[in-house]
């Protein structure tokens, strides 16, 4: 639930920035960028760890295409690197 509420908070922050941007104020842009970058790193890492945990909990069946986990993992793991590698974003 924490990630869900952090996402809501991030969207509120973004909408607030958009209102300020229309007025020509860009003071909160650095904070918005830093916060969204950190949130991207935390969310993608937690999701990949969750998928891997589910795969391990399924034992050998977790490797089966019928479980859906290999496809989910392959389709999602690249998010760790897109728009900035998480190792760099954590710095």
PDB file of N, CA and C in Angstrom:
ATOM      1  N   UNK A   1       0.805  -1.202   0.000  1.00  0.00           N
ATOM      2  CA  UNK A   1       0.000   0.000   0.000  1.00  0.00           C
ATOM      3  C   UNK A   1       0.853   1.274   0.000  1.00  0.00           C
ATOM      4  N   UNK A   2       2.040   1.166   0.548  1.00  0.00           N
ATOM      5  CA  UNK A   2       2.891   2.349   0.643  1.00  0.00           C
ATOM      6  C   UNK A   2       3.189   2.928  -0.738  1.00  0.00           C
ATOM      7  N   UNK A   3       3.469   2.062  -1.705  1.00  0.00           N
ATOM      8  CA  UNK A   3       3.782   2.554  -3.048  1.00  0.00           C
ATOM      9  C   UNK A   3       2.566   3.218  -3.689  1.00  0.00           C
ATOM     10  N   UNK A   4       1.397   2.690  -3.417  1.00  0.00           N
ATOM     11  CA  UNK A   4       0.166   3.279  -3.953  1.00  0.00           C
ATOM     12  C   UNK A   4      -0.018   4.699  -3.422  1.00  0.00           C
ATOM     13  N   UNK A   5       0.129   4.859  -2.125  1.00  0.00           N
ATOM     14  CA  UNK A   5      -0.062   6.179  -1.526  1.00  0.00           C
ATOM     15  C   UNK A   5       1.067   7.141  -1.907  1.00  0.00           C
ATOM     16  N   UNK A   6       2.268   6.619  -2.087  1.00  0.00           N
ATOM     17  CA  UNK A   6       3.364   7.468  -2.574  1.00  0.00           C
ATOM     18  C   UNK A   6       3.070   7.947  -3.996  1.00  0.00           C
ATOM     19  N   UNK A   7       2.485   7.070  -4.815  1.00  0.00           N
ATOM     20  CA  UNK A   7       2.092   7.462  -6.170  1.00  0.00           C
ATOM     21  C   UNK A   7       1.036   8.555  -6.158  1.00  0.00           C
ATOM     22  N   UNK A   8       0.062   8.418  -5.265  1.00  0.00           N
ATOM     23  CA  UNK A   8      -0.961   9.466  -5.131  1.00  0.00           C
ATOM     24  C   UNK A   8      -0.336  10.792  -4.710  1.00  0.00           C
ATOM     25  N   UNK A   9       0.564  10.724  -3.740  1.00  0.00           N
ATOM     26  CA  UNK A   9       1.235  11.923  -3.253  1.00  0.00           C
ATOM     27  C   UNK A   9       2.058  12.561  -4.372  1.00  0.00           C
ATOM     28  N   UNK A  10       2.726  11.713  -5.164  1.00  0.00           N
ATOM     29  CA  UNK A  10       3.541  12.219  -6.275  1.00  0.00           C
ATOM     30  C   UNK A  10       2.673  12.912  -7.317  1.00  0.00           C
ATOM     31  N   UNK A  11       1.516  12.351  -7.622  1.00  0.00           N
ATOM     32  CA  UNK A  11       0.613  12.978  -8.589  1.00  0.00           C
ATOM     33  C   UNK A  11       0.082  14.307  -8.063  1.00  0.00           C
ATOM     34  N   UNK A  12      -0.215  14.380  -6.773  1.00  0.00           N
ATOM     35  CA  UNK A  12      -0.639  15.658  -6.175  1.00  0.00           C
ATOM     36  C   UNK A  12       0.462  16.706  -6.301  1.00  0.00           C
ATOM     37  N   UNK A  13       1.690  16.265  -6.056  1.00  0.00           N
ATOM     38  CA  UNK A  13       2.830  17.163  -6.165  1.00  0.00           C
ATOM     39  C   UNK A  13       2.991  17.644  -7.615  1.00  0.00           C
ATOM     40  N   UNK A  14       2.806  16.743  -8.560  1.00  0.00           N
ATOM     41  CA  UNK A  14       2.933  17.093  -9.980  1.00  0.00           C
ATOM     42  C   UNK A  14       1.835  18.078 -10.402  1.00  0.00           C
ATOM     43  N   UNK A  15       0.600  17.800  -9.996  1.00  0.00           N
ATOM     44  CA  UNK A  15      -0.502  18.706 -10.343  1.00  0.00           C
ATOM     45  C   UNK A  15      -0.290  20.092  -9.749  1.00  0.00           C
ATOM     46  N   UNK A  16       0.227  20.133  -8.535  1.00  0.00           N
ATOM     47  CA  UNK A  16       0.525  21.406  -7.890  1.00  0.00           C
ATOM     48  C   UNK A  16       1.601  22.157  -8.680  1.00  0.00           C
ATOM     49  N   UNK A  17       2.620  21.425  -9.118  1.00  0.00           N
ATOM     50  CA  UNK A  17       3.663  22.044  -9.927  1.00  0.00           C
ATOM     51  C   UNK A  17       3.103  22.573 -11.246  1.00  0.00           C
ATOM     52  N   UNK A  18       2.206  21.829 -11.873  1.00  0.00           N
ATOM     53  CA  UNK A  18       1.627  22.292 -13.137  1.00  0.00           C
ATOM     54  C   UNK A  18       0.886  23.617 -12.957  1.00  0.00           C
ATOM     55  N   UNK A  19       0.153  23.755 -11.863  1.00  0.00           N
ATOM     56  CA  UNK A  19      -0.533  25.026 -11.601  1.00  0.00           C
ATOM     57  C   UNK A  19       0.473  26.153 -11.424  1.00  0.00           C
ATOM     58  N   UNK A  20       1.546  25.878 -10.696  1.00  0.00           N
ATOM     59  CA  UNK A  20       2.575  26.891 -10.482  1.00  0.00           C
ATOM     60  C   UNK A  20       3.308  27.213 -11.793  1.00  0.00           C
ATOM     61  N   UNK A  21       3.521  26.192 -12.622  1.00  0.00           N
ATOM     62  CA  UNK A  21       4.217  26.396 -13.893  1.00  0.00           C
ATOM     63  C   UNK A  21       3.440  27.337 -14.808  1.00  0.00           C
ATOM     64  N   UNK A  22       2.119  27.194 -14.808  1.00  0.00           N
ATOM     65  CA  UNK A  22       1.290  28.069 -15.630  1.00  0.00           C
ATOM     66  C   UNK A  22       1.406  29.522 -15.185  1.00  0.00           C
ATOM     67  N   UNK A  23       1.735  29.715 -13.912  1.00  0.00           N
ATOM     68  CA  UNK A  23       1.941  31.064 -13.385  1.00  0.00           C
ATOM     69  C   UNK A  23       3.390  31.520 -13.563  1.00  0.00           C
ATOM     70  N   UNK A  24       4.215  30.672 -14.195  1.00  0.00           N
ATOM     71  CA  UNK A  24       5.606  31.036 -14.439  1.00  0.00           C
ATOM     72  C   UNK A  24       6.549  30.732 -13.297  1.00  0.00           C
ATOM     73  N   UNK A  25       6.110  29.936 -12.337  1.00  0.00           N
ATOM     74  CA  UNK A  25       6.956  29.586 -11.187  1.00  0.00           C
ATOM     75  C   UNK A  25       7.528  28.182 -11.394  1.00  0.00           C
ATOM     76  N   UNK A  26       8.845  28.080 -11.311  1.00  0.00           N
ATOM     77  CA  UNK A  26       9.516  26.793 -11.496  1.00  0.00           C
ATOM     78  C   UNK A  26      10.347  26.422 -10.266  1.00  0.00           C
ATOM     79  N   UNK A  27      10.038  27.010  -9.133  1.00  0.00           N
ATOM     80  CA  UNK A  27      10.820  26.799  -7.916  1.00  0.00           C
ATOM     81  C   UNK A  27      10.808  25.347  -7.443  1.00  0.00           C
ATOM     82  N   UNK A  28       9.708  24.653  -7.643  1.00  0.00           N
ATOM     83  CA  UNK A  28       9.578  23.289  -7.122  1.00  0.00           C
ATOM     84  C   UNK A  28      10.037  22.224  -8.108  1.00  0.00           C
ATOM     85  N   UNK A  29      10.484  22.623  -9.282  1.00  0.00           N
ATOM     86  CA  UNK A  29      10.910  21.663 -10.299  1.00  0.00           C
ATOM     87  C   UNK A  29      12.054  20.758  -9.828  1.00  0.00           C
ATOM     88  N   UNK A  30      13.102  21.282  -9.188  1.00  0.00           N
ATOM     89  CA  UNK A  30      14.169  20.388  -8.714  1.00  0.00           C
ATOM     90  C   UNK A  30      13.662  19.340  -7.722  1.00  0.00           C
ATOM     91  N   UNK A  31      12.798  19.754  -6.807  1.00  0.00           N
ATOM     92  CA  UNK A  31      12.239  18.809  -5.831  1.00  0.00           C
ATOM     93  C   UNK A  31      11.380  17.763  -6.525  1.00  0.00           C
ATOM     94  N   UNK A  32      10.576  18.182  -7.485  1.00  0.00           N
ATOM     95  CA  UNK A  32       9.728  17.262  -8.227  1.00  0.00           C
ATOM     96  C   UNK A  32      10.571  16.243  -8.976  1.00  0.00           C
ATOM     97  N   UNK A  33      11.621  16.697  -9.633  1.00  0.00           N
ATOM     98  CA  UNK A  33      12.483  15.798 -10.387  1.00  0.00           C
ATOM     99  C   UNK A  33      13.182  14.796  -9.471  1.00  0.00           C
ATOM    100  N   UNK A  34      13.748  15.268  -8.383  1.00  0.00           N
ATOM    101  CA  UNK A  34      14.453  14.389  -7.447  1.00  0.00           C
ATOM    102  C   UNK A  34      13.504  13.364  -6.830  1.00  0.00           C
ATOM    103  N   UNK A  35      12.326  13.803  -6.446  1.00  0.00           N
ATOM    104  CA  UNK A  35      11.351  12.910  -5.819  1.00  0.00           C
ATOM    105  C   UNK A  35      10.851  11.855  -6.797  1.00  0.00           C
ATOM    106  N   UNK A  36      10.532  12.263  -8.018  1.00  0.00           N
ATOM    107  CA  UNK A  36      10.030  11.296  -8.998  1.00  0.00           C
ATOM    108  C   UNK A  36      11.120  10.310  -9.401  1.00  0.00           C
ATOM    109  N   UNK A  37      12.355  10.749  -9.485  1.00  0.00           N
ATOM    110  CA  UNK A  37      13.457   9.840  -9.816  1.00  0.00           C
ATOM    111  C   UNK A  37      13.655   8.806  -8.719  1.00  0.00           C
ATOM    112  N   UNK A  38      13.613   9.249  -7.483  1.00  0.00           N
ATOM    113  CA  UNK A  38      13.759   8.326  -6.357  1.00  0.00           C
ATOM    114  C   UNK A  38      12.596   7.341  -6.300  1.00  0.00           C
ATOM    115  N   UNK A  39      11.401   7.849  -6.507  1.00  0.00           N
ATOM    116  CA  UNK A  39      10.217   6.986  -6.469  1.00  0.00           C
ATOM    117  C   UNK A  39      10.268   5.944  -7.580  1.00  0.00           C
ATOM    118  N   UNK A  40      10.760   6.316  -8.763  1.00  0.00           N
ATOM    119  CA  UNK A  40      10.917   5.361  -9.865  1.00  0.00           C
ATOM    120  C   UNK A  40      11.853   4.241  -9.447  1.00  0.00           C
ATOM    121  N   UNK A  41      12.981   4.592  -8.847  1.00  0.00           N
ATOM    122  CA  UNK A  41      13.954   3.587  -8.428  1.00  0.00           C
ATOM    123  C   UNK A  41      13.371   2.652  -7.370  1.00  0.00           C
ATOM    124  N   UNK A  42      12.701   3.211  -6.382  1.00  0.00           N
ATOM    125  CA  UNK A  42      12.134   2.396  -5.300  1.00  0.00           C
ATOM    126  C   UNK A  42      11.031   1.476  -5.825  1.00  0.00           C
ATOM    127  N   UNK A  43      10.131   2.007  -6.628  1.00  0.00           N
ATOM    128  CA  UNK A  43       9.000   1.206  -7.133  1.00  0.00           C
ATOM    129  C   UNK A  43       9.445   0.090  -8.061  1.00  0.00           C
ATOM    130  N   UNK A  44      10.343   0.397  -8.985  1.00  0.00           N
ATOM    131  CA  UNK A  44      10.767  -0.644  -9.919  1.00  0.00           C
ATOM    132  C   UNK A  44      11.563  -1.736  -9.207  1.00  0.00           C
ATOM    133  N   UNK A  45      12.411  -1.367  -8.272  1.00  0.00           N
ATOM    134  CA  UNK A  45      13.169  -2.375  -7.525  1.00  0.00           C
ATOM    135  C   UNK A  45      12.253  -3.261  -6.693  1.00  0.00           C
ATOM    136  N   UNK A  46      11.293  -2.656  -6.027  1.00  0.00           N
ATOM    137  CA  UNK A  46      10.356  -3.433  -5.209  1.00  0.00           C
ATOM    138  C   UNK A  46       9.531  -4.381  -6.072  1.00  0.00           C
ATOM    139  N   UNK A  47       9.129  -3.937  -7.245  1.00  0.00           N
ATOM    140  CA  UNK A  47       8.324  -4.775  -8.129  1.00  0.00           C
ATOM    141  C   UNK A  47       9.124  -5.963  -8.642  1.00  0.00           C
ATOM    142  N   UNK A  48      10.360  -5.721  -9.082  1.00  0.00           N
ATOM    143  CA  UNK A  48      11.201  -6.821  -9.578  1.00  0.00           C
ATOM    144  C   UNK A  48      11.482  -7.817  -8.453  1.00  0.00           C
ATOM    145  N   UNK A  49      11.745  -7.320  -7.254  1.00  0.00           N
ATOM    146  CA  UNK A  49      11.969  -8.219  -6.116  1.00  0.00           C
ATOM    147  C   UNK A  49      10.716  -9.028  -5.801  1.00  0.00           C
ATOM    148  N   UNK A  50       9.549  -8.416  -5.920  1.00  0.00           N
ATOM    149  CA  UNK A  50       8.292  -9.121  -5.678  1.00  0.00           C
ATOM    150  C   UNK A  50       8.041 -10.217  -6.703  1.00  0.00           C
ATOM    151  N   UNK A  51       8.317  -9.926  -7.978  1.00  0.00           N
ATOM    152  CA  UNK A  51       8.153 -10.930  -9.025  1.00  0.00           C
ATOM    153  C   UNK A  51       9.096 -12.097  -8.775  1.00  0.00           C
ATOM    154  N   UNK A  52      10.337 -11.791  -8.431  1.00  0.00           N
ATOM    155  CA  UNK A  52      11.318 -12.850  -8.160  1.00  0.00           C
ATOM    156  C   UNK A  52      10.922 -13.667  -6.930  1.00  0.00           C
ATOM    157  N   UNK A  53      10.394 -13.028  -5.920  1.00  0.00           N
ATOM    158  CA  UNK A  53       9.933 -13.736  -4.717  1.00  0.00           C
ATOM    159  C   UNK A  53       8.806 -14.705  -5.062  1.00  0.00           C
ATOM    160  N   UNK A  54       7.879 -14.261  -5.889  1.00  0.00           N
ATOM    161  CA  UNK A  54       6.784 -15.132  -6.325  1.00  0.00           C
ATOM    162  C   UNK A  54       7.304 -16.319  -7.123  1.00  0.00           C
ATOM    163  N   UNK A  55       8.278 -16.064  -7.996  1.00  0.00           N
ATOM    164  CA  UNK A  55       8.847 -17.135  -8.804  1.00  0.00           C
ATOM    165  C   UNK A  55       9.509 -18.174  -7.909  1.00  0.00           C
ATOM    166  N   UNK A  56      10.262 -17.723  -6.926  1.00  0.00           N
ATOM    167  CA  UNK A  56      10.928 -18.644  -6.013  1.00  0.00           C
ATOM    168  C   UNK A  56       9.924 -19.415  -5.162  1.00  0.00           C
ATOM    169  N   UNK A  57       8.856 -18.773  -4.763  1.00  0.00           N
ATOM    170  CA  UNK A  57       7.838 -19.430  -3.945  1.00  0.00           C
ATOM    171  C   UNK A  57       7.144 -20.545  -4.717  1.00  0.00           C
ATOM    172  N   UNK A  58       7.123 -20.417  -6.038  1.00  0.00           N
ATOM    173  CA  UNK A  58       6.490 -21.448  -6.875  1.00  0.00           C
ATOM    174  C   UNK A  58       7.419 -22.624  -7.150  1.00  0.00           C
ATOM    175  N   UNK A  59       8.654 -22.546  -6.723  1.00  0.00           N
ATOM    176  CA  UNK A  59       9.608 -23.611  -6.987  1.00  0.00           C
ATOM    177  C   UNK A  59       9.868 -23.730  -8.480  1.00  0.00           C
ATOM    178  N   UNK A  60       9.995 -24.956  -8.953  1.00  0.00           N
ATOM    179  CA  UNK A  60      10.257 -25.197 -10.373  1.00  0.00           C
ATOM    180  C   UNK A  60       9.151 -24.689 -11.278  1.00  0.00           C
ATOM    181  N   UNK A  61       7.934 -24.675 -10.774  1.00  0.00           N
ATOM    182  CA  UNK A  61       6.812 -24.183 -11.586  1.00  0.00           C
ATOM    183  C   UNK A  61       6.941 -22.682 -11.894  1.00  0.00           C
ATOM    184  N   UNK A  62       7.701 -21.968 -11.098  1.00  0.00           N
ATOM    185  CA  UNK A  62       7.915 -20.547 -11.335  1.00  0.00           C
ATOM    186  C   UNK A  62       8.654 -20.265 -12.631  1.00  0.00           C
ATOM    187  N   UNK A  63       9.383 -21.276 -13.122  1.00  0.00           N
ATOM    188  CA  UNK A  63      10.088 -21.131 -14.395  1.00  0.00           C
ATOM    189  C   UNK A  63       9.197 -21.475 -15.580  1.00  0.00           C
ATOM    190  N   UNK A  64       8.082 -22.117 -15.326  1.00  0.00           N
ATOM    191  CA  UNK A  64       7.175 -22.525 -16.396  1.00  0.00           C
ATOM    192  C   UNK A  64       6.461 -21.305 -16.982  1.00  0.00           C
ATOM    193  N   UNK A  65       6.338 -21.299 -18.290  1.00  0.00           N
ATOM    194  CA  UNK A  65       5.616 -20.208 -18.951  1.00  0.00           C
ATOM    195  C   UNK A  65       4.157 -20.180 -18.505  1.00  0.00           C
ATOM    196  N   UNK A  66       3.655 -21.340 -18.071  1.00  0.00           N
ATOM    197  CA  UNK A  66       2.259 -21.402 -17.624  1.00  0.00           C
ATOM    198  C   UNK A  66       2.007 -20.579 -16.369  1.00  0.00           C
ATOM    199  N   UNK A  67       3.067 -20.348 -15.586  1.00  0.00           N
ATOM    200  CA  UNK A  67       2.892 -19.540 -14.372  1.00  0.00           C
ATOM    201  C   UNK A  67       2.742 -18.057 -14.710  1.00  0.00           C
ATOM    202  N   UNK A  68       3.218 -17.656 -15.869  1.00  0.00           N
ATOM    203  CA  UNK A  68       3.161 -16.254 -16.258  1.00  0.00           C
ATOM    204  C   UNK A  68       4.304 -15.417 -15.702  1.00  0.00           C
ATOM    205  N   UNK A  69       5.062 -15.972 -14.772  1.00  0.00           N
ATOM    206  CA  UNK A  69       6.122 -15.206 -14.125  1.00  0.00           C
ATOM    207  C   UNK A  69       7.332 -14.940 -15.023  1.00  0.00           C
ATOM    208  N   UNK A  70       7.770 -15.910 -15.835  1.00  0.00           N
ATOM    209  CA  UNK A  70       8.915 -15.595 -16.709  1.00  0.00           C
ATOM    210  C   UNK A  70       8.612 -14.445 -17.675  1.00  0.00           C
ATOM    211  N   UNK A  71       7.439 -14.454 -18.259  1.00  0.00           N
ATOM    212  CA  UNK A  71       7.069 -13.365 -19.163  1.00  0.00           C
ATOM    213  C   UNK A  71       6.939 -12.040 -18.442  1.00  0.00           C
ATOM    214  N   UNK A  72       6.358 -12.069 -17.257  1.00  0.00           N
ATOM    215  CA  UNK A  72       6.210 -10.854 -16.462  1.00  0.00           C
ATOM    216  C   UNK A  72       7.584 -10.296 -16.108  1.00  0.00           C
ATOM    217  N   UNK A  73       8.479 -11.176 -15.681  1.00  0.00           N
ATOM    218  CA  UNK A  73       9.834 -10.746 -15.325  1.00  0.00           C
ATOM    219  C   UNK A  73      10.547 -10.147 -16.533  1.00  0.00           C
ATOM    220  N   UNK A  74      10.508 -10.839 -17.657  1.00  0.00           N
ATOM    221  CA  UNK A  74      11.195 -10.362 -18.873  1.00  0.00           C
ATOM    222  C   UNK A  74      10.622  -9.038 -19.369  1.00  0.00           C
ATOM    223  N   UNK A  75       9.329  -8.852 -19.223  1.00  0.00           N
ATOM    224  CA  UNK A  75       8.708  -7.617 -19.686  1.00  0.00           C
ATOM    225  C   UNK A  75       8.898  -6.453 -18.722  1.00  0.00           C
ATOM    226  N   UNK A  76       9.247  -6.737 -17.485  1.00  0.00           N
ATOM    227  CA  UNK A  76       9.322  -5.667 -16.494  1.00  0.00           C
ATOM    228  C   UNK A  76      10.742  -5.287 -16.090  1.00  0.00           C
ATOM    229  N   UNK A  77      11.671  -6.237 -16.099  1.00  0.00           N
ATOM    230  CA  UNK A  77      12.995  -5.995 -15.523  1.00  0.00           C
ATOM    231  C   UNK A  77      13.740  -4.841 -16.198  1.00  0.00           C
ATOM    232  N   UNK A  78      13.451  -4.551 -17.462  1.00  0.00           N
ATOM    233  CA  UNK A  78      14.139  -3.439 -18.133  1.00  0.00           C
ATOM    234  C   UNK A  78      13.786  -2.093 -17.509  1.00  0.00           C
ATOM    235  N   UNK A  79      12.714  -2.020 -16.746  1.00  0.00           N
ATOM    236  CA  UNK A  79      12.344  -0.762 -16.091  1.00  0.00           C
ATOM    237  C   UNK A  79      13.376  -0.315 -15.060  1.00  0.00           C
ATOM    238  N   UNK A  80      14.227  -1.251 -14.622  1.00  0.00           N
ATOM    239  CA  UNK A  80      15.297  -0.881 -13.699  1.00  0.00           C
ATOM    240  C   UNK A  80      16.309   0.042 -14.377  1.00  0.00           C
ATOM    241  N   UNK A  81      16.397  -0.024 -15.695  1.00  0.00           N
ATOM    242  CA  UNK A  81      17.406   0.722 -16.431  1.00  0.00           C
ATOM    243  C   UNK A  81      16.835   1.908 -17.193  1.00  0.00           C
ATOM    244  N   UNK A  82      15.639   1.794 -17.707  1.00  0.00           N
ATOM    245  CA  UNK A  82      15.050   2.889 -18.485  1.00  0.00           C
ATOM    246  C   UNK A  82      15.008   4.178 -17.686  1.00  0.00           C
ATOM    247  N   UNK A  83      15.234   5.275 -18.364  1.00  0.00           N
ATOM    248  CA  UNK A  83      15.164   6.617 -17.783  1.00  0.00           C
ATOM    249  C   UNK A  83      16.085   6.773 -16.579  1.00  0.00           C
ATOM    250  N   UNK A  84      17.205   6.070 -16.606  1.00  0.00           N
ATOM    251  CA  UNK A  84      18.190   6.169 -15.533  1.00  0.00           C
ATOM    252  C   UNK A  84      18.278   4.884 -14.762  1.00  0.00           C
ATOM    253  N   UNK A  85      19.486   4.344 -14.704  1.00  0.00           N
ATOM    254  CA  UNK A  85      19.707   3.100 -13.966  1.00  0.00           C
ATOM    255  C   UNK A  85      19.463   3.345 -12.478  1.00  0.00           C
ATOM    256  N   UNK A  86      18.826   2.398 -11.830  1.00  0.00           N
ATOM    257  CA  UNK A  86      18.477   2.577 -10.412  1.00  0.00           C
ATOM    258  C   UNK A  86      19.697   2.774  -9.533  1.00  0.00           C
ATOM    259  N   UNK A  87      20.826   2.161  -9.889  1.00  0.00           N
ATOM    260  CA  UNK A  87      22.035   2.342  -9.083  1.00  0.00           C
ATOM    261  C   UNK A  87      22.419   3.823  -9.036  1.00  0.00           C
ATOM    262  N   UNK A  88      22.310   4.500 -10.151  1.00  0.00           N
ATOM    263  CA  UNK A  88      22.638   5.923 -10.206  1.00  0.00           C
ATOM    264  C   UNK A  88      21.549   6.751  -9.516  1.00  0.00           C
ATOM    265  N   UNK A  89      20.287   6.382  -9.716  1.00  0.00           N
ATOM    266  CA  UNK A  89      19.194   7.145  -9.126  1.00  0.00           C
ATOM    267  C   UNK A  89      19.208   7.072  -7.596  1.00  0.00           C
ATOM    268  N   UNK A  90      19.706   5.965  -7.041  1.00  0.00           N
ATOM    269  CA  UNK A  90      19.781   5.855  -5.583  1.00  0.00           C
ATOM    270  C   UNK A  90      20.816   6.803  -4.985  1.00  0.00           C
ATOM    271  N   UNK A  91      21.766   7.231  -5.798  1.00  0.00           N
ATOM    272  CA  UNK A  91      22.794   8.152  -5.280  1.00  0.00           C
ATOM    273  C   UNK A  91      22.165   9.474  -5.006  1.00  0.00           C
TER     274      UNK A  91
END
